[in-house]
Each structure stands twice: as C-alpha cells, then as structure tokens.
C-alpha cells in the first residue's frame, strides 16, 4: 500500500526494496501529508482493498474499533466518505 498510494517516489530502507522508508501520503483523516512510512498505519474500514486507507498511527489507535457515532475523522471533507464506507461494510441485522 505504501508504494501504491505514495504521491512521490518511495525510498526504501535497503537495496532489497522490501521496506519503505519515505514517500508522500495524504492522510484522509486529517487532510495532511506524511513523508515517513513509520508514521502510518493501514486502517481497515472494511476488509477489501478498496476500503484500506493509510492514516497516521496515533489517530488510528485513538479510533480503535469505534463506530462513526463514537468517532469521526477530524478532517470534515472526508467524514461523509468515511461514514459511507463504514456503512457498506457494516453487517445487516
């Protein structure tokens, strides 16, 4: 995901190219850019790849497994998208 979603060429930690060090990623939760891969977590809104987001690790940990009624991304432009993706993955009762 780090390679796929980087907005700039990624730099790897070694010649084996198995670990990303830096790149450029937009965090949809806060609308800010990150350049260190170690600052990001993979957020699984749902289990399919279309619903995986790269977000900062602190924000992802504060969210935990809370539903949108208990936690929302602080960046307002992404809130409706977040709820929509969450509702698609929610099991029907």
N, C-alpha and C. Protein backbone atom coordinates (compact mmCIF):
# COMPACT_ATOMS: atom_id res chain seq x y z
N UNK A 1 0.82 -1.19 0.00
CA UNK A 1 0.00 0.00 0.00
C UNK A 1 0.86 1.25 0.00
N UNK A 2 1.98 1.20 0.72
CA UNK A 2 2.84 2.38 0.77
C UNK A 2 3.35 2.76 -0.61
N UNK A 3 3.75 1.78 -1.39
CA UNK A 3 4.25 2.05 -2.74
C UNK A 3 3.10 2.49 -3.64
N UNK A 4 2.01 1.77 -3.55
CA UNK A 4 0.86 2.04 -4.43
C UNK A 4 0.28 3.43 -4.23
N UNK A 5 0.19 3.90 -3.00
CA UNK A 5 -0.51 5.15 -2.72
C UNK A 5 0.40 6.35 -2.50
N UNK A 6 1.69 6.17 -2.61
CA UNK A 6 2.59 7.31 -2.45
C UNK A 6 2.41 8.27 -3.61
N UNK A 7 2.37 9.55 -3.30
CA UNK A 7 2.23 10.59 -4.32
C UNK A 7 3.59 11.05 -4.85
N UNK A 8 4.64 10.46 -4.33
CA UNK A 8 6.01 10.75 -4.77
C UNK A 8 6.76 9.42 -4.78
N UNK A 9 7.89 9.36 -5.48
CA UNK A 9 8.67 8.12 -5.46
C UNK A 9 9.04 7.73 -4.03
N UNK A 10 8.94 6.45 -3.73
CA UNK A 10 9.29 5.99 -2.39
C UNK A 10 10.79 5.70 -2.31
N UNK A 11 11.32 5.84 -1.11
CA UNK A 11 12.70 5.48 -0.82
C UNK A 11 12.65 4.28 0.11
N UNK A 12 13.39 3.25 -0.23
CA UNK A 12 13.41 2.03 0.57
C UNK A 12 14.54 2.08 1.59
N UNK A 13 14.46 1.26 2.62
CA UNK A 13 15.48 1.25 3.67
C UNK A 13 16.75 0.53 3.25
N UNK A 14 16.66 -0.32 2.19
CA UNK A 14 17.85 -1.03 1.71
C UNK A 14 17.67 -1.44 0.25
N UNK A 15 18.68 -2.05 -0.31
CA UNK A 15 18.64 -2.44 -1.73
C UNK A 15 17.67 -3.58 -2.02
N UNK A 16 17.23 -4.30 -1.01
CA UNK A 16 16.27 -5.40 -1.22
C UNK A 16 14.87 -4.87 -1.53
N UNK A 17 14.63 -3.60 -1.26
CA UNK A 17 13.36 -2.93 -1.56
C UNK A 17 12.16 -3.62 -0.90
N UNK A 18 12.36 -4.08 0.32
CA UNK A 18 11.25 -4.77 1.00
C UNK A 18 10.64 -3.91 2.11
N UNK A 19 11.26 -2.78 2.41
CA UNK A 19 10.73 -1.92 3.48
C UNK A 19 10.82 -0.46 3.04
N UNK A 20 9.67 0.21 3.05
CA UNK A 20 9.60 1.61 2.63
C UNK A 20 10.02 2.51 3.79
N UNK A 21 10.86 3.49 3.48
CA UNK A 21 11.30 4.47 4.47
C UNK A 21 10.51 5.77 4.33
N UNK A 22 10.52 6.34 3.13
CA UNK A 22 9.84 7.61 2.92
C UNK A 22 9.07 7.60 1.60
N UNK A 23 8.15 8.52 1.50
CA UNK A 23 7.32 8.74 0.32
C UNK A 23 6.47 9.97 0.61
N UNK A 24 5.30 10.04 0.04
CA UNK A 24 4.40 11.15 0.31
C UNK A 24 2.97 10.63 0.28
N UNK A 25 2.31 10.69 1.41
CA UNK A 25 0.95 10.16 1.53
C UNK A 25 0.03 11.19 2.16
N UNK A 26 -1.19 11.26 1.64
CA UNK A 26 -2.20 12.13 2.21
C UNK A 26 -3.01 11.33 3.21
N UNK A 27 -3.09 11.82 4.42
CA UNK A 27 -3.87 11.18 5.47
C UNK A 27 -5.30 11.71 5.38
N UNK A 28 -6.27 10.89 4.96
CA UNK A 28 -7.63 11.38 4.79
C UNK A 28 -8.30 11.78 6.10
N UNK A 29 -7.84 11.26 7.22
CA UNK A 29 -8.48 11.61 8.49
C UNK A 29 -8.24 13.06 8.88
N UNK A 30 -7.09 13.60 8.53
CA UNK A 30 -6.78 14.97 8.95
C UNK A 30 -6.45 15.90 7.80
N UNK A 31 -6.37 15.37 6.57
CA UNK A 31 -6.10 16.23 5.43
C UNK A 31 -4.67 16.76 5.39
N UNK A 32 -3.74 16.03 5.98
CA UNK A 32 -2.33 16.44 5.99
C UNK A 32 -1.48 15.36 5.33
N UNK A 33 -0.30 15.80 4.89
CA UNK A 33 0.64 14.89 4.24
C UNK A 33 1.64 14.34 5.23
N UNK A 34 2.08 13.10 5.00
CA UNK A 34 3.12 12.45 5.79
C UNK A 34 4.19 11.96 4.85
N UNK A 35 5.44 12.01 5.30
CA UNK A 35 6.53 11.54 4.46
C UNK A 35 7.26 10.33 5.04
N UNK A 36 7.08 10.04 6.31
CA UNK A 36 7.71 8.87 6.93
C UNK A 36 6.72 7.71 6.99
N UNK A 37 7.09 6.61 6.39
CA UNK A 37 6.22 5.43 6.39
C UNK A 37 5.94 4.95 7.81
N UNK A 38 6.90 5.11 8.68
CA UNK A 38 6.75 4.64 10.06
C UNK A 38 5.68 5.41 10.84
N UNK A 39 5.22 6.54 10.32
CA UNK A 39 4.17 7.32 10.97
C UNK A 39 2.77 6.86 10.59
N UNK A 40 2.66 5.87 9.71
CA UNK A 40 1.36 5.48 9.17
C UNK A 40 0.95 4.08 9.61
N UNK A 41 -0.34 3.89 9.65
CA UNK A 41 -0.97 2.58 9.87
C UNK A 41 -1.89 2.31 8.69
N UNK A 42 -2.19 1.06 8.46
CA UNK A 42 -3.22 0.71 7.48
C UNK A 42 -4.52 0.61 8.25
N UNK A 43 -5.47 1.45 7.89
CA UNK A 43 -6.79 1.47 8.51
C UNK A 43 -7.73 0.60 7.69
N UNK A 44 -8.34 -0.37 8.29
CA UNK A 44 -9.27 -1.24 7.57
C UNK A 44 -10.70 -0.90 7.94
N UNK A 45 -11.27 -0.03 7.10
CA UNK A 45 -12.68 0.32 7.28
C UNK A 45 -13.51 -0.92 6.97
N UNK A 46 -13.10 -1.64 5.97
CA UNK A 46 -13.66 -2.95 5.63
C UNK A 46 -12.49 -3.80 5.17
N UNK A 47 -12.71 -5.06 4.96
CA UNK A 47 -11.61 -5.97 4.69
C UNK A 47 -11.15 -6.02 3.23
N UNK A 48 -11.89 -5.40 2.32
CA UNK A 48 -11.42 -5.45 0.94
C UNK A 48 -10.45 -4.29 0.67
N UNK A 49 -9.55 -4.46 -0.30
CA UNK A 49 -8.50 -3.46 -0.56
C UNK A 49 -9.02 -2.06 -0.88
N UNK A 50 -10.23 -1.95 -1.42
CA UNK A 50 -10.78 -0.64 -1.73
C UNK A 50 -11.12 0.16 -0.48
N UNK A 51 -11.19 -0.50 0.65
CA UNK A 51 -11.53 0.19 1.89
C UNK A 51 -10.38 0.23 2.88
N UNK A 52 -9.17 0.12 2.39
CA UNK A 52 -7.99 0.28 3.22
C UNK A 52 -7.44 1.68 3.00
N UNK A 53 -7.17 2.40 4.08
CA UNK A 53 -6.61 3.75 3.99
C UNK A 53 -5.31 3.78 4.77
N UNK A 54 -4.39 4.62 4.34
CA UNK A 54 -3.18 4.88 5.11
C UNK A 54 -3.45 6.12 5.95
N UNK A 55 -3.36 5.96 7.26
CA UNK A 55 -3.63 7.06 8.19
C UNK A 55 -2.55 7.11 9.25
N UNK A 56 -2.43 8.26 9.91
CA UNK A 56 -1.39 8.34 10.94
C UNK A 56 -1.70 7.39 12.08
N UNK A 57 -0.64 6.79 12.61
CA UNK A 57 -0.82 5.73 13.60
C UNK A 57 -1.50 6.21 14.88
N UNK A 58 -1.23 7.43 15.31
CA UNK A 58 -1.87 7.95 16.53
C UNK A 58 -3.37 8.08 16.39
N UNK A 59 -3.80 8.62 15.25
CA UNK A 59 -5.23 8.79 15.01
C UNK A 59 -5.91 7.43 14.87
N UNK A 60 -5.27 6.50 14.19
CA UNK A 60 -5.85 5.17 14.02
C UNK A 60 -5.99 4.46 15.36
N UNK A 61 -5.02 4.61 16.23
CA UNK A 61 -5.09 3.96 17.54
C UNK A 61 -6.15 4.62 18.41
N UNK A 62 -6.33 5.94 18.29
CA UNK A 62 -7.37 6.60 19.09
C UNK A 62 -8.76 6.19 18.64
N UNK A 63 -8.91 5.87 17.34
CA UNK A 63 -10.19 5.42 16.81
C UNK A 63 -10.51 4.01 17.28
N UNK A 64 -9.49 3.16 17.27
CA UNK A 64 -9.73 1.77 17.66
C UNK A 64 -10.82 1.14 16.82
N UNK A 65 -11.77 0.47 17.46
CA UNK A 65 -12.86 -0.17 16.72
C UNK A 65 -14.19 0.56 16.92
N UNK A 66 -14.09 1.87 17.19
CA UNK A 66 -15.31 2.66 17.42
C UNK A 66 -16.08 2.88 16.12
N UNK A 67 -17.38 2.86 16.23
CA UNK A 67 -18.27 3.16 15.12
C UNK A 67 -18.32 4.67 14.90
N UNK A 68 -18.84 5.14 13.74
CA UNK A 68 -18.91 6.57 13.47
C UNK A 68 -19.70 7.38 14.50
N UNK A 69 -20.62 6.75 15.22
CA UNK A 69 -21.34 7.51 16.25
C UNK A 69 -20.46 7.80 17.46
N UNK A 70 -19.31 7.12 17.58
CA UNK A 70 -18.39 7.34 18.70
C UNK A 70 -17.09 8.03 18.28
N UNK A 71 -16.76 7.97 16.97
CA UNK A 71 -15.52 8.57 16.48
C UNK A 71 -15.67 8.93 15.02
N UNK A 72 -15.22 10.15 14.67
CA UNK A 72 -15.22 10.60 13.27
C UNK A 72 -13.87 11.20 12.94
N UNK A 73 -13.42 11.07 11.69
CA UNK A 73 -12.18 11.74 11.30
C UNK A 73 -12.33 13.25 11.52
N UNK A 74 -11.33 13.89 12.08
CA UNK A 74 -11.45 15.32 12.34
C UNK A 74 -11.49 16.19 11.08
N UNK A 75 -11.02 15.67 9.95
CA UNK A 75 -11.00 16.42 8.71
C UNK A 75 -12.39 16.35 8.08
N UNK A 76 -13.14 17.42 8.16
CA UNK A 76 -14.56 17.43 7.76
C UNK A 76 -14.83 16.95 6.33
N UNK A 77 -14.01 17.31 5.32
CA UNK A 77 -14.32 16.87 3.96
C UNK A 77 -14.35 15.36 3.77
N UNK A 78 -13.75 14.59 4.65
CA UNK A 78 -13.72 13.14 4.46
C UNK A 78 -14.77 12.42 5.31
N UNK A 79 -15.44 13.12 6.18
CA UNK A 79 -16.39 12.48 7.10
C UNK A 79 -17.51 11.74 6.38
N UNK A 80 -18.09 12.34 5.36
CA UNK A 80 -19.19 11.68 4.64
C UNK A 80 -18.69 10.42 3.93
N UNK A 81 -17.49 10.48 3.36
CA UNK A 81 -16.91 9.31 2.70
C UNK A 81 -16.65 8.21 3.71
N UNK A 82 -16.14 8.59 4.88
CA UNK A 82 -15.86 7.62 5.94
C UNK A 82 -17.14 6.90 6.37
N UNK A 83 -18.20 7.65 6.59
CA UNK A 83 -19.48 7.05 7.00
C UNK A 83 -20.00 6.13 5.91
N UNK A 84 -19.92 6.57 4.66
CA UNK A 84 -20.40 5.76 3.55
C UNK A 84 -19.63 4.43 3.48
N UNK A 85 -18.31 4.49 3.58
CA UNK A 85 -17.50 3.26 3.53
C UNK A 85 -17.81 2.37 4.73
N UNK A 86 -18.01 2.97 5.88
CA UNK A 86 -18.33 2.20 7.08
C UNK A 86 -19.67 1.50 6.93
N UNK A 87 -20.66 2.20 6.38
CA UNK A 87 -22.00 1.63 6.24
C UNK A 87 -22.00 0.46 5.23
N UNK A 88 -21.20 0.54 4.20
CA UNK A 88 -21.11 -0.52 3.21
C UNK A 88 -20.58 -1.80 3.84
N UNK A 89 -19.65 -1.66 4.77
CA UNK A 89 -19.03 -2.84 5.37
C UNK A 89 -19.80 -3.37 6.57
N UNK A 90 -20.71 -2.58 7.12
CA UNK A 90 -21.44 -2.99 8.31
C UNK A 90 -22.37 -4.17 7.99
N UNK A 91 -22.39 -5.20 8.84
CA UNK A 91 -23.29 -6.34 8.59
C UNK A 91 -24.75 -5.93 8.76
N UNK A 92 -25.58 -6.55 7.97
CA UNK A 92 -27.03 -6.29 8.10
C UNK A 92 -27.58 -7.05 9.29
N UNK A 93 -28.50 -6.42 10.02
CA UNK A 93 -29.08 -7.07 11.19
C UNK A 93 -30.27 -7.91 10.80
